[in-house]
């Protein structure tokens, strides 16, 4: 019964596994390879890296009260245009260019955050204006043209693989050792948490469920790193994604300011009366979104090896969708970085699986829209049931 209850608490994780198995069966039946082919796993990381970064920032905005940022795609384009101009056209030092790009993202985020947090203009309006203005500025800077290619000295930081230039056997060995180390760290942390809870006489999950959960997670980790080893090695961008996820997981789950975000989403007035600087937290959430949009832009420049006018188009929709599919509430105050990660992978698997099967792009958009609506509908309906009860 405890295992069933635990599964009910993680419906999207169950849905993700089901969708992956479904696509694997369909792809194999169609004779088009395998969803779990090494190159496909690597591509899944490369294609969805920017979504993980943007969705992590979007989660913080949503937590403050269901607010969203519609401008992140345009911010990615504008920052990429700045980066392309500096690195390719002007030959500015790469490290200085990266610093300027990050500063530009922070400035754009802070500009919008000021109007949202202190002028109290609705976030929808401010970020809609930002979406139009930033895209326009990017087009002016790019002059409607693509800036390419970027020097290898830049792309190596976001688009290369480790260990570089190694033999196939060494790549596989390093990848497997990395996976084993990550599994060992995970098992150590989870064991420590369980022992700590037992000492404090807190309720803990069923031992059988914990072992099963950790076994599945470790199997996924080892499977992924085996795939990396059989392909080109561990993607460098995966290290960046790991840092982003861990830092923001710790911030939202383990720090006082992180809990303030949840308090604001629950009831902003009550949080303010309790001494929370709600304006400051709102300002931080949107400024941080600008910073992560700049990080995503740096990743995209390396992935596409160019800056172009259509870069970032609809990225905000991918980020918002990943958050809500991952369990974030449309009303704010509910959501986790882990859930957002699952939502991102879920959307990535949908895109990847349907593309391999040759499903028309228009149908792909329709399916993603239906999945997003279903995820939000479940949240709203469950909220109404709890209120009625």
Protein backbone atom coordinates (compact mmCIF):
# COMPACT_ATOMS: atom_id res chain seq x y z
CA UNK A 1 0.00 0.00 0.00
CA UNK A 2 2.84 2.40 0.80
CA UNK A 3 4.39 1.70 -2.60
CA UNK A 4 1.08 2.44 -4.33
CA UNK A 5 0.76 5.67 -2.33
CA UNK A 6 4.29 6.65 -3.35
CA UNK A 7 3.47 6.02 -7.02
CA UNK A 8 0.38 8.20 -6.70
CA UNK A 9 2.60 11.00 -5.40
CA UNK A 10 4.80 10.75 -8.51
CA UNK A 11 2.30 10.42 -11.39
CA UNK A 12 4.49 12.21 -13.95
CA UNK A 13 7.42 9.92 -13.22
CA UNK A 14 5.17 6.93 -13.87
CA UNK A 15 3.83 8.62 -17.01
CA UNK A 16 7.39 9.32 -18.21
CA UNK A 17 8.39 5.66 -17.88
CA UNK A 18 5.18 4.58 -19.65
CA UNK A 19 5.71 7.01 -22.54
CA UNK A 20 9.33 5.97 -22.97
CA UNK A 21 8.38 2.29 -23.10
CA UNK A 22 5.53 3.04 -25.52
CA UNK A 23 7.81 4.93 -27.91
CA UNK A 24 10.46 2.20 -27.65
CA UNK A 25 7.91 -0.43 -28.72
CA UNK A 26 6.53 1.72 -31.55
CA UNK A 27 9.98 2.70 -32.86
CA UNK A 28 11.26 -0.87 -32.81
CA UNK A 29 8.06 -2.11 -34.46
CA UNK A 30 8.48 0.46 -37.24
CA UNK A 31 12.08 -0.64 -37.82
CA UNK A 32 13.47 2.86 -37.16
CA UNK A 33 16.03 1.95 -34.53
CA UNK A 34 15.65 2.51 -30.81
CA UNK A 35 14.67 5.36 -28.54
CA UNK A 36 17.54 4.32 -26.26
CA UNK A 37 20.23 4.32 -28.96
CA UNK A 38 23.44 5.98 -27.62
CA UNK A 39 23.38 8.81 -30.17
CA UNK A 40 19.72 9.45 -29.44
CA UNK A 41 20.33 9.75 -25.68
CA UNK A 42 23.11 12.27 -26.34
CA UNK A 43 20.85 14.23 -28.69
CA UNK A 44 18.12 14.24 -26.06
CA UNK A 45 20.46 16.08 -23.69
CA UNK A 46 21.68 18.51 -26.37
CA UNK A 47 18.19 19.29 -27.67
CA UNK A 48 16.66 19.91 -24.24
CA UNK A 49 19.53 21.52 -22.34
CA UNK A 50 18.17 25.02 -22.85
CA UNK A 51 14.69 23.91 -21.70
CA UNK A 52 16.06 22.60 -18.40
CA UNK A 53 17.86 25.90 -17.76
CA UNK A 54 14.89 28.10 -18.70
CA UNK A 55 12.32 25.92 -16.93
CA UNK A 56 14.33 26.07 -13.69
CA UNK A 57 14.17 29.86 -13.78
CA UNK A 58 10.53 29.84 -14.86
CA UNK A 59 9.66 27.68 -11.85
CA UNK A 60 10.78 30.43 -9.48
CA UNK A 61 8.53 32.93 -11.28
CA UNK A 62 5.57 30.54 -11.13
CA UNK A 63 6.11 29.84 -7.43
CA UNK A 64 5.58 33.53 -6.61
CA UNK A 65 1.93 33.25 -7.57
CA UNK A 66 1.43 31.54 -10.93
CA UNK A 67 3.27 34.30 -12.79
CA UNK A 68 5.11 33.49 -16.02
CA UNK A 69 7.76 35.19 -18.15
CA UNK A 70 6.83 35.38 -21.82
CA UNK A 71 10.03 37.16 -22.81
CA UNK A 72 12.64 34.44 -22.18
CA UNK A 73 12.81 33.32 -25.83
CA UNK A 74 13.38 36.88 -26.99
CA UNK A 75 15.97 37.41 -24.25
CA UNK A 76 17.82 34.32 -25.47
CA UNK A 77 17.83 35.76 -28.99
CA UNK A 78 19.01 39.22 -27.89
CA UNK A 79 21.79 37.86 -25.65
CA UNK A 80 22.88 35.51 -28.46
CA UNK A 81 22.95 38.46 -30.85
CA UNK A 82 25.17 40.36 -28.40
CA UNK A 83 27.40 37.32 -27.98
CA UNK A 84 27.68 36.73 -31.73
CA UNK A 85 28.53 40.37 -32.37
CA UNK A 86 31.22 40.40 -29.68
CA UNK A 87 32.83 37.01 -30.34
CA UNK A 88 32.51 36.61 -34.11
CA UNK A 89 32.33 40.13 -35.50
CA UNK A 90 34.47 42.08 -33.03
CA UNK A 91 36.83 39.27 -31.87
CA UNK A 92 36.41 40.28 -28.23
CA UNK A 93 38.00 37.97 -25.65
CA UNK A 94 35.73 34.95 -25.10
CA UNK A 95 35.68 35.21 -21.30
CA UNK A 96 34.89 38.92 -21.42
CA UNK A 97 32.16 38.26 -23.99
CA UNK A 98 30.59 35.58 -21.77
CA UNK A 99 30.67 37.98 -18.80
CA UNK A 100 29.02 40.72 -20.89
CA UNK A 101 26.32 38.29 -22.08
CA UNK A 102 25.54 37.24 -18.50
CA UNK A 103 25.47 40.89 -17.39
CA UNK A 104 23.12 41.71 -20.27
CA UNK A 105 20.76 38.94 -19.21
CA UNK A 106 20.78 40.14 -15.60
CA UNK A 107 20.08 43.71 -16.75
CA UNK A 108 17.16 42.65 -18.96
CA UNK A 109 15.71 40.54 -16.15
CA UNK A 110 16.16 43.31 -13.58
CA UNK A 111 14.53 45.85 -15.92
CA UNK A 112 11.39 43.75 -16.14
CA UNK A 113 11.57 42.80 -12.46
CA UNK A 114 11.47 46.47 -11.46
CA UNK A 115 8.15 47.06 -13.21
CA UNK A 116 6.67 43.80 -11.92
CA UNK A 117 7.89 43.90 -8.31
CA UNK A 118 7.87 47.60 -7.46
CA UNK A 119 5.48 49.20 -9.96
CA UNK A 120 3.13 46.19 -9.67
CA UNK A 121 2.37 46.05 -13.38
CA UNK A 122 1.09 42.52 -14.15
CA UNK A 123 3.90 40.17 -15.14
CA UNK A 124 1.95 39.06 -18.21
CA UNK A 125 1.92 42.60 -19.60
CA UNK A 126 5.53 43.45 -18.73
CA UNK A 127 6.97 40.24 -20.15
CA UNK A 128 4.74 40.44 -23.24
CA UNK A 129 6.19 43.88 -23.88
CA UNK A 130 9.65 42.46 -23.26
CA UNK A 131 9.01 39.63 -25.72
CA UNK A 132 8.27 42.14 -28.48
CA UNK A 133 10.93 44.70 -27.55
CA UNK A 134 13.81 42.27 -27.03
CA UNK A 135 13.07 40.41 -30.26
CA UNK A 136 13.02 43.73 -32.11
CA UNK A 137 16.36 44.79 -30.61
CA UNK A 138 17.86 41.42 -31.53
CA UNK A 139 16.73 41.80 -35.15
CA UNK A 140 18.23 45.29 -35.27
CA UNK A 141 21.53 44.00 -33.91
CA UNK A 142 21.58 41.02 -36.26
CA UNK A 143 20.32 43.10 -39.21
CA UNK A 144 18.25 40.10 -40.24
CA UNK A 145 21.35 37.96 -40.81
CA UNK A 146 22.93 34.93 -39.20
CA UNK A 147 26.24 35.38 -37.37
CA UNK A 148 28.44 32.29 -37.74
CA UNK A 149 30.59 30.33 -37.16
CA UNK A 150 31.78 30.64 -33.58
CA UNK A 151 35.42 29.82 -32.84
CA UNK A 152 36.20 26.40 -31.42
CA UNK A 153 37.71 28.11 -28.38
CA UNK A 154 34.12 29.08 -27.47
CA UNK A 155 32.11 26.02 -28.55
CA UNK A 156 34.43 23.72 -26.59
CA UNK A 157 32.93 25.05 -23.32
CA UNK A 158 29.32 24.21 -24.19
CA UNK A 159 29.31 21.79 -27.10
CA UNK A 160 32.20 19.35 -26.60
CA UNK A 161 32.48 15.94 -24.94
CA UNK A 162 34.71 14.42 -22.26
CA UNK A 163 37.25 12.94 -22.40
CA UNK A 164 38.19 14.83 -25.57
CA UNK A 165 40.07 12.90 -28.26
CA UNK A 166 40.05 9.66 -26.27
CA UNK A 167 39.79 6.14 -27.65
CA UNK A 168 36.35 4.42 -27.60
CA UNK A 169 37.38 2.17 -24.71
CA UNK A 170 38.63 5.10 -22.63
CA UNK A 171 35.43 7.06 -23.29
CA UNK A 172 33.34 4.12 -22.14
CA UNK A 173 35.51 3.55 -19.05
CA UNK A 174 35.43 7.21 -17.98
CA UNK A 175 31.67 7.42 -18.57
CA UNK A 176 30.95 4.29 -16.53
CA UNK A 177 33.21 5.41 -13.67
CA UNK A 178 31.43 8.78 -13.63
CA UNK A 179 28.07 7.02 -13.46
CA UNK A 180 29.23 4.77 -10.63
CA UNK A 181 30.51 7.76 -8.63
CA UNK A 182 27.19 9.59 -9.08
CA UNK A 183 25.25 6.51 -7.95
CA UNK A 184 27.51 6.15 -4.90
CA UNK A 185 26.96 9.78 -3.95
CA UNK A 186 23.20 9.39 -4.40
CA UNK A 187 23.06 6.26 -2.23
CA UNK A 188 25.17 7.90 0.48
CA UNK A 189 23.01 11.04 0.59
CA UNK A 190 19.74 9.09 0.62
CA UNK A 191 20.97 6.73 3.33
CA UNK A 192 22.11 9.66 5.48
CA UNK A 193 18.75 11.40 5.05
CA UNK A 194 16.86 8.26 6.04
CA UNK A 195 19.02 7.64 9.13
CA UNK A 196 18.66 11.29 10.15
CA UNK A 197 14.86 11.12 9.87
CA UNK A 198 14.71 7.89 11.88
CA UNK A 199 16.82 9.45 14.66
CA UNK A 200 14.48 12.42 14.78
CA UNK A 201 11.50 10.00 14.77
CA UNK A 202 10.13 11.42 11.52
CA UNK A 203 8.01 9.30 9.23
CA UNK A 204 10.07 7.65 6.46
CA UNK A 205 9.11 5.95 3.23
CA UNK A 206 8.81 2.18 3.06
CA UNK A 207 12.22 0.52 2.86
CA UNK A 208 11.12 -1.59 -0.10
CA UNK A 209 9.99 1.49 -1.98
CA UNK A 210 13.22 3.35 -1.19
CA UNK A 211 15.34 0.47 -2.46
CA UNK A 212 13.21 0.12 -5.60
CA UNK A 213 13.31 3.86 -6.27
CA UNK A 214 17.07 4.10 -5.85
CA UNK A 215 17.61 0.99 -7.98
CA UNK A 216 15.59 2.51 -10.82
CA UNK A 217 17.36 5.87 -10.56
CA UNK A 218 20.80 4.24 -10.52
CA UNK A 219 19.83 2.03 -13.46
CA UNK A 220 18.80 5.13 -15.42
CA UNK A 221 22.05 6.93 -14.52
CA UNK A 222 24.22 3.97 -15.53
CA UNK A 223 22.21 3.45 -18.70
CA UNK A 224 22.63 7.10 -19.67
CA UNK A 225 26.37 7.16 -18.99
CA UNK A 226 26.84 3.85 -20.81
CA UNK A 227 25.15 5.50 -23.80
CA UNK A 228 27.45 8.52 -23.53
CA UNK A 229 30.46 6.22 -23.45
CA UNK A 230 29.30 4.33 -26.53
CA UNK A 231 28.75 7.60 -28.39
CA UNK A 232 31.04 10.62 -28.08
CA UNK A 233 31.62 10.77 -24.34
CA UNK A 234 30.02 12.78 -21.55
CA UNK A 235 28.55 16.06 -22.90
CA UNK A 236 30.16 19.09 -21.26
CA UNK A 237 26.76 20.79 -21.19
CA UNK A 238 25.54 17.99 -18.89
CA UNK A 239 27.92 19.28 -16.20
CA UNK A 240 26.41 22.75 -16.51
CA UNK A 241 22.89 21.32 -16.33
CA UNK A 242 23.82 19.31 -13.24
CA UNK A 243 25.15 22.41 -11.50
CA UNK A 244 22.02 24.42 -12.36
CA UNK A 245 19.65 21.71 -11.13
CA UNK A 246 21.56 21.06 -7.89
CA UNK A 247 22.02 24.74 -7.02
CA UNK A 248 18.36 25.62 -7.56
CA UNK A 249 17.14 22.44 -5.89
CA UNK A 250 19.14 23.38 -2.80
CA UNK A 251 17.95 26.99 -2.97
CA UNK A 252 14.25 26.16 -3.22
CA UNK A 253 14.21 23.19 -0.85
CA UNK A 254 16.86 23.97 1.78
CA UNK A 255 17.11 27.77 2.19
CA UNK A 256 14.88 30.32 3.90
CA UNK A 257 14.60 32.63 0.84
CA UNK A 258 13.59 29.58 -1.20
CA UNK A 259 10.76 28.86 1.21
CA UNK A 260 9.71 32.50 0.94
CA UNK A 261 8.90 31.88 -2.74
CA UNK A 262 6.50 29.10 -1.77
CA UNK A 263 4.98 31.29 0.95
CA UNK A 264 4.33 34.05 -1.59
CA UNK A 265 2.60 31.62 -3.89
CA UNK A 266 0.44 30.35 -1.06
CA UNK A 267 -0.66 33.79 0.10
CA UNK A 268 1.41 36.86 -0.71
CA UNK A 269 -0.40 39.14 1.73
CA UNK A 270 0.08 36.71 4.60
CA UNK A 271 3.75 36.28 3.66
CA UNK A 272 4.22 40.06 3.68
CA UNK A 273 2.57 40.38 7.09
CA UNK A 274 4.91 37.64 8.32
CA UNK A 275 7.92 39.80 7.47
CA UNK A 276 8.78 38.48 4.00
CA UNK A 277 10.12 41.11 1.61
CA UNK A 278 7.70 40.11 -1.14
CA UNK A 279 8.79 42.85 -3.52
CA UNK A 280 12.42 41.83 -3.14
CA UNK A 281 11.62 38.15 -3.73
CA UNK A 282 9.60 38.99 -6.84
CA UNK A 283 12.47 41.16 -8.09
CA UNK A 284 14.91 38.32 -7.50
CA UNK A 285 12.74 35.75 -9.33
CA UNK A 286 12.55 37.79 -12.55
CA UNK A 287 16.13 39.02 -12.42
CA UNK A 288 17.24 35.41 -12.00
CA UNK A 289 15.12 34.51 -15.02
CA UNK A 290 17.12 36.98 -17.07
CA UNK A 291 20.38 35.48 -15.83
CA UNK A 292 19.33 31.93 -16.74
CA UNK A 293 18.07 33.13 -20.13
CA UNK A 294 21.59 34.40 -20.76
CA UNK A 295 23.04 31.03 -19.70
CA UNK A 296 20.64 29.30 -22.10
CA UNK A 297 21.73 31.70 -24.85
CA UNK A 298 25.38 30.73 -24.31
CA UNK A 299 24.42 27.06 -24.64
CA UNK A 300 22.34 27.68 -27.76
CA UNK A 301 25.12 29.64 -29.48
CA UNK A 302 27.44 26.67 -29.06
CA UNK A 303 24.83 24.10 -30.05
CA UNK A 304 23.83 25.85 -33.28
CA UNK A 305 27.28 27.40 -33.80
CA UNK A 306 25.50 30.61 -34.78
CA UNK A 307 23.24 33.47 -33.70
CA UNK A 308 20.22 33.93 -35.95
CA UNK A 309 16.96 35.95 -35.97
CA UNK A 310 14.69 33.00 -35.17
CA UNK A 311 16.74 31.77 -32.20
CA UNK A 312 14.62 31.40 -29.08
CA UNK A 313 11.31 31.29 -30.91
CA UNK A 314 8.71 29.63 -28.62
CA UNK A 315 11.34 28.75 -26.00
CA UNK A 316 9.16 30.37 -23.35
CA UNK A 317 6.35 27.94 -24.18
CA UNK A 318 8.68 24.95 -23.76
CA UNK A 319 9.83 26.24 -20.37
CA UNK A 320 6.31 27.00 -19.13
CA UNK A 321 5.04 23.65 -20.38
CA UNK A 322 7.87 21.76 -18.65
CA UNK A 323 7.04 23.44 -15.33
CA UNK A 324 3.33 22.69 -15.40
CA UNK A 325 3.75 19.16 -16.72
CA UNK A 326 6.31 18.63 -13.94
CA UNK A 327 3.75 19.45 -11.26
CA UNK A 328 3.97 23.22 -10.75
CA UNK A 329 0.64 24.76 -9.81
CA UNK A 330 -1.03 27.34 -12.01
CA UNK A 331 -1.83 29.22 -8.80
CA UNK A 332 1.75 29.31 -7.52
CA UNK A 333 3.31 27.97 -4.33
CA UNK A 334 3.63 24.39 -5.59
CA UNK A 335 6.38 22.83 -7.68
CA UNK A 336 9.88 21.41 -7.42
CA UNK A 337 13.07 21.53 -9.46
CA UNK A 338 12.99 17.73 -9.65
CA UNK A 339 9.45 17.79 -11.00
CA UNK A 340 10.44 20.41 -13.56
CA UNK A 341 13.32 18.20 -14.67
CA UNK A 342 10.91 15.28 -15.14
CA UNK A 343 8.55 17.56 -17.09
CA UNK A 344 11.39 18.67 -19.36
CA UNK A 345 12.48 15.09 -20.04
CA UNK A 346 8.83 14.13 -20.67
CA UNK A 347 8.47 16.84 -23.32
CA UNK A 348 11.87 15.95 -24.79
CA UNK A 349 10.89 12.29 -25.11
CA UNK A 350 7.60 13.29 -26.76
CA UNK A 351 9.43 15.48 -29.30
CA UNK A 352 12.17 12.95 -29.92
CA UNK A 353 9.90 9.91 -30.15
CA UNK A 354 7.42 11.55 -32.51
CA UNK A 355 10.25 12.86 -34.70
CA UNK A 356 11.80 9.39 -35.02
CA UNK A 357 8.39 7.98 -35.95
CA UNK A 358 8.06 10.66 -38.63
CA UNK A 359 4.93 12.25 -37.16
CA UNK A 360 4.06 15.56 -38.80
CA UNK A 361 5.27 18.65 -36.90
CA UNK A 362 1.74 20.05 -36.74
CA UNK A 363 0.51 16.92 -34.98
CA UNK A 364 3.46 17.14 -32.62
CA UNK A 365 2.36 20.62 -31.58
CA UNK A 366 -1.21 19.39 -31.10
CA UNK A 367 -0.08 16.51 -28.87
CA UNK A 368 2.12 18.77 -26.73
CA UNK A 369 -0.76 21.22 -26.34
CA UNK A 370 -3.09 18.44 -25.22
CA UNK A 371 -0.53 17.16 -22.70
CA UNK A 372 -0.04 20.64 -21.24
CA UNK A 373 -3.78 21.26 -20.95
CA UNK A 374 -4.24 17.88 -19.26
CA UNK A 375 -1.50 18.60 -16.72
CA UNK A 376 -2.96 21.98 -15.75
CA UNK A 377 -6.52 20.60 -15.72
CA UNK A 378 -5.50 17.88 -13.26
CA UNK A 379 -3.97 20.54 -10.98
CA UNK A 380 -7.04 22.79 -11.10
CA UNK A 381 -9.53 19.94 -10.60
CA UNK A 382 -7.57 18.52 -7.65
CA UNK A 383 -7.47 21.98 -6.06
CA UNK A 384 -11.25 22.31 -6.38
CA UNK A 385 -11.80 18.88 -4.84
CA UNK A 386 -9.60 19.73 -1.87
CA UNK A 387 -11.46 23.03 -1.40
CA UNK A 388 -14.84 21.29 -1.58
CA UNK A 389 -13.72 18.67 0.92
